[in-house]
Amino acid sequence: TAAPPRRPPRAAAATAKVALDDCAVKFIRASGAGGQNVNKVATKAELRFDVDRSPLPLAVKTQLRATHAARLTKAGELIVVS
């Protein structure tokens, strides 16, 4: 029997490191049940990173936009929430 056709090789993922100085981190009160600390302690973290203005290589910016489109604002900020 003939061997099945091979898939083309997958493109390597672009990688880069982001400095914390290039991010904005904000701590806010989380919604939902929280026990004794509800509405008292800022336990939810929000990280914002401006992809368009960052020094990342173009390949990494393109990959971020493609894989995390739902987390990007219209201004090009990537938002990650704990």
N, C-alpha and C. Protein backbone atom coordinates (compact mmCIF):
# COMPACT_ATOMS: atom_id res chain seq x y z
N THR A 1 0.84 -1.19 0.00
CA THR A 1 0.00 0.00 0.00
C THR A 1 0.88 1.24 0.00
N ALA A 2 0.33 2.28 -0.55
CA ALA A 2 1.07 3.54 -0.65
C ALA A 2 0.99 4.30 0.67
N ALA A 3 2.05 4.98 1.00
CA ALA A 3 2.09 5.80 2.21
C ALA A 3 1.20 7.03 2.02
N PRO A 4 0.56 7.51 3.09
CA PRO A 4 -0.28 8.71 2.96
C PRO A 4 0.58 9.93 2.64
N PRO A 5 0.01 10.93 1.97
CA PRO A 5 0.80 12.12 1.64
C PRO A 5 1.25 12.85 2.90
N ARG A 6 2.43 13.42 2.86
CA ARG A 6 2.98 14.13 4.01
C ARG A 6 2.46 15.56 4.03
N ARG A 7 2.23 16.05 5.23
CA ARG A 7 1.81 17.44 5.39
C ARG A 7 3.03 18.34 5.23
N PRO A 8 2.80 19.56 4.74
CA PRO A 8 3.94 20.49 4.67
C PRO A 8 4.40 20.84 6.08
N PRO A 9 5.68 21.15 6.27
CA PRO A 9 6.17 21.48 7.61
C PRO A 9 5.48 22.72 8.15
N ARG A 10 5.23 22.71 9.45
CA ARG A 10 4.57 23.82 10.11
C ARG A 10 5.56 24.96 10.32
N ALA A 11 5.09 26.19 10.13
CA ALA A 11 5.97 27.35 10.31
C ALA A 11 6.36 27.47 11.78
N ALA A 12 7.59 27.84 12.02
CA ALA A 12 8.07 28.01 13.39
C ALA A 12 7.42 29.23 14.01
N ALA A 13 7.09 29.14 15.27
CA ALA A 13 6.48 30.26 15.97
C ALA A 13 7.53 31.32 16.25
N ALA A 14 7.13 32.57 16.08
CA ALA A 14 8.03 33.68 16.40
C ALA A 14 8.03 33.87 17.91
N THR A 15 9.21 34.10 18.47
CA THR A 15 9.32 34.29 19.92
C THR A 15 10.05 35.58 20.23
N ALA A 16 9.73 36.16 21.36
CA ALA A 16 10.39 37.38 21.82
C ALA A 16 10.09 37.57 23.29
N LYS A 17 10.89 38.38 23.94
CA LYS A 17 10.66 38.71 25.35
C LYS A 17 10.20 40.16 25.42
N VAL A 18 9.31 40.42 26.37
CA VAL A 18 8.77 41.76 26.56
C VAL A 18 9.23 42.26 27.93
N ALA A 19 9.76 43.47 27.96
CA ALA A 19 10.19 44.06 29.23
C ALA A 19 8.96 44.55 30.00
N LEU A 20 8.98 44.40 31.30
CA LEU A 20 7.86 44.84 32.12
C LEU A 20 7.66 46.35 32.00
N ASP A 21 8.73 47.08 31.71
CA ASP A 21 8.62 48.53 31.52
C ASP A 21 7.75 48.89 30.32
N ASP A 22 7.60 47.97 29.37
CA ASP A 22 6.78 48.21 28.18
C ASP A 22 5.31 47.88 28.42
N CYS A 23 4.97 47.46 29.64
CA CYS A 23 3.60 47.07 29.98
C CYS A 23 3.03 48.00 31.04
N ALA A 24 1.72 48.10 31.06
CA ALA A 24 1.02 48.81 32.12
C ALA A 24 0.25 47.77 32.92
N VAL A 25 0.46 47.73 34.23
CA VAL A 25 -0.21 46.76 35.09
C VAL A 25 -1.09 47.53 36.06
N LYS A 26 -2.34 47.06 36.17
CA LYS A 26 -3.30 47.71 37.06
C LYS A 26 -3.99 46.63 37.89
N PHE A 27 -4.19 46.89 39.17
CA PHE A 27 -4.89 45.96 40.04
C PHE A 27 -6.25 46.56 40.39
N ILE A 28 -7.30 45.76 40.19
CA ILE A 28 -8.67 46.23 40.41
C ILE A 28 -9.45 45.19 41.20
N ARG A 29 -10.60 45.58 41.68
CA ARG A 29 -11.45 44.64 42.41
C ARG A 29 -12.09 43.66 41.44
N ALA A 30 -12.01 42.39 41.76
CA ALA A 30 -12.61 41.36 40.93
C ALA A 30 -14.10 41.27 41.24
N SER A 31 -14.89 40.93 40.24
CA SER A 31 -16.33 40.74 40.47
C SER A 31 -16.59 39.31 40.92
N GLY A 32 -17.77 39.07 41.42
CA GLY A 32 -18.15 37.73 41.82
C GLY A 32 -17.92 37.49 43.30
N ALA A 33 -18.15 36.25 43.70
CA ALA A 33 -18.02 35.88 45.11
C ALA A 33 -16.59 36.05 45.59
N GLY A 34 -16.44 36.55 46.80
CA GLY A 34 -15.09 36.77 47.31
C GLY A 34 -14.96 36.57 48.79
N GLY A 35 -16.04 36.19 49.46
CA GLY A 35 -15.95 35.97 50.90
C GLY A 35 -15.75 37.26 51.66
N GLN A 36 -14.90 37.22 52.68
CA GLN A 36 -14.71 38.38 53.55
C GLN A 36 -14.06 39.55 52.84
N ASN A 37 -13.27 39.29 51.80
CA ASN A 37 -12.55 40.38 51.13
C ASN A 37 -13.28 40.97 49.94
N VAL A 38 -14.52 40.56 49.70
CA VAL A 38 -15.26 41.06 48.54
C VAL A 38 -15.40 42.58 48.64
N ASN A 39 -15.14 43.25 47.55
CA ASN A 39 -15.22 44.71 47.43
C ASN A 39 -14.27 45.46 48.36
N LYS A 40 -13.24 44.79 48.86
CA LYS A 40 -12.27 45.45 49.74
C LYS A 40 -10.86 45.40 49.18
N VAL A 41 -10.52 44.32 48.51
CA VAL A 41 -9.14 44.10 48.08
C VAL A 41 -9.07 44.01 46.56
N ALA A 42 -8.09 44.68 45.97
CA ALA A 42 -7.89 44.63 44.53
C ALA A 42 -7.13 43.36 44.19
N THR A 43 -7.85 42.32 43.77
CA THR A 43 -7.23 41.03 43.53
C THR A 43 -7.16 40.65 42.05
N LYS A 44 -7.73 41.46 41.18
CA LYS A 44 -7.71 41.17 39.75
C LYS A 44 -6.61 42.03 39.10
N ALA A 45 -5.76 41.39 38.32
CA ALA A 45 -4.68 42.11 37.65
C ALA A 45 -5.00 42.25 36.17
N GLU A 46 -4.73 43.43 35.64
CA GLU A 46 -4.91 43.69 34.21
C GLU A 46 -3.59 44.20 33.64
N LEU A 47 -3.09 43.53 32.62
CA LEU A 47 -1.85 43.91 31.97
C LEU A 47 -2.17 44.41 30.58
N ARG A 48 -1.65 45.58 30.22
CA ARG A 48 -1.84 46.15 28.88
C ARG A 48 -0.48 46.31 28.21
N PHE A 49 -0.42 45.90 26.96
CA PHE A 49 0.82 45.97 26.19
C PHE A 49 0.49 46.51 24.81
N ASP A 50 1.13 47.61 24.42
CA ASP A 50 0.89 48.23 23.12
C ASP A 50 1.71 47.50 22.06
N VAL A 51 1.07 46.65 21.31
CA VAL A 51 1.75 45.82 20.31
C VAL A 51 2.31 46.68 19.19
N ASP A 52 1.53 47.64 18.72
CA ASP A 52 1.95 48.45 17.57
C ASP A 52 3.18 49.31 17.86
N ARG A 53 3.29 49.83 19.06
CA ARG A 53 4.41 50.72 19.41
C ARG A 53 5.59 49.99 20.05
N SER A 54 5.48 48.70 20.20
CA SER A 54 6.54 47.93 20.86
C SER A 54 7.73 47.72 19.94
N PRO A 55 8.90 47.42 20.52
CA PRO A 55 10.10 47.16 19.72
C PRO A 55 10.18 45.72 19.22
N LEU A 56 9.10 44.96 19.30
CA LEU A 56 9.11 43.57 18.85
C LEU A 56 9.31 43.47 17.35
N PRO A 57 9.91 42.37 16.88
CA PRO A 57 10.05 42.16 15.44
C PRO A 57 8.67 42.06 14.77
N LEU A 58 8.60 42.43 13.52
CA LEU A 58 7.34 42.43 12.77
C LEU A 58 6.68 41.05 12.78
N ALA A 59 7.48 39.99 12.68
CA ALA A 59 6.92 38.63 12.68
C ALA A 59 6.19 38.33 13.97
N VAL A 60 6.71 38.80 15.10
CA VAL A 60 6.09 38.56 16.40
C VAL A 60 4.80 39.38 16.51
N LYS A 61 4.84 40.64 16.08
CA LYS A 61 3.64 41.48 16.11
C LYS A 61 2.53 40.86 15.26
N THR A 62 2.88 40.37 14.09
CA THR A 62 1.91 39.74 13.20
C THR A 62 1.31 38.50 13.85
N GLN A 63 2.14 37.71 14.48
CA GLN A 63 1.65 36.49 15.15
C GLN A 63 0.75 36.85 16.33
N LEU A 64 1.10 37.87 17.10
CA LEU A 64 0.26 38.31 18.22
C LEU A 64 -1.11 38.76 17.73
N ARG A 65 -1.12 39.55 16.66
CA ARG A 65 -2.40 40.02 16.12
C ARG A 65 -3.26 38.87 15.63
N ALA A 66 -2.64 37.85 15.03
CA ALA A 66 -3.40 36.73 14.47
C ALA A 66 -3.91 35.79 15.55
N THR A 67 -3.10 35.51 16.55
CA THR A 67 -3.48 34.51 17.55
C THR A 67 -4.27 35.09 18.73
N HIS A 68 -4.20 36.40 18.94
CA HIS A 68 -4.88 37.00 20.09
C HIS A 68 -5.75 38.18 19.68
N ALA A 69 -6.40 38.08 18.53
CA ALA A 69 -7.22 39.17 18.01
C ALA A 69 -8.33 39.57 18.97
N ALA A 70 -8.89 38.61 19.69
CA ALA A 70 -9.99 38.91 20.62
C ALA A 70 -9.52 39.72 21.82
N ARG A 71 -8.23 39.70 22.11
CA ARG A 71 -7.70 40.43 23.26
C ARG A 71 -7.08 41.77 22.88
N LEU A 72 -7.15 42.14 21.62
CA LEU A 72 -6.58 43.40 21.15
C LEU A 72 -7.65 44.47 21.07
N THR A 73 -7.28 45.68 21.52
CA THR A 73 -8.19 46.82 21.37
C THR A 73 -8.01 47.40 19.97
N LYS A 74 -8.89 48.31 19.60
CA LYS A 74 -8.76 48.98 18.29
C LYS A 74 -7.47 49.79 18.21
N ALA A 75 -6.96 50.23 19.37
CA ALA A 75 -5.73 50.99 19.42
C ALA A 75 -4.48 50.12 19.35
N GLY A 76 -4.66 48.80 19.34
CA GLY A 76 -3.52 47.90 19.22
C GLY A 76 -2.95 47.44 20.54
N GLU A 77 -3.68 47.63 21.64
CA GLU A 77 -3.21 47.17 22.95
C GLU A 77 -3.68 45.75 23.20
N LEU A 78 -2.76 44.92 23.65
CA LEU A 78 -3.08 43.55 24.06
C LEU A 78 -3.43 43.61 25.55
N ILE A 79 -4.61 43.07 25.92
CA ILE A 79 -5.06 43.10 27.31
C ILE A 79 -5.13 41.67 27.83
N VAL A 80 -4.43 41.44 28.94
CA VAL A 80 -4.44 40.14 29.62
C VAL A 80 -4.94 40.37 31.03
N VAL A 81 -5.96 39.60 31.43
CA VAL A 81 -6.58 39.78 32.74
C VAL A 81 -6.46 38.47 33.52
N SER A 82 -6.16 38.59 34.82
CA SER A 82 -6.06 37.40 35.67
C SER A 82 -7.42 36.91 36.07
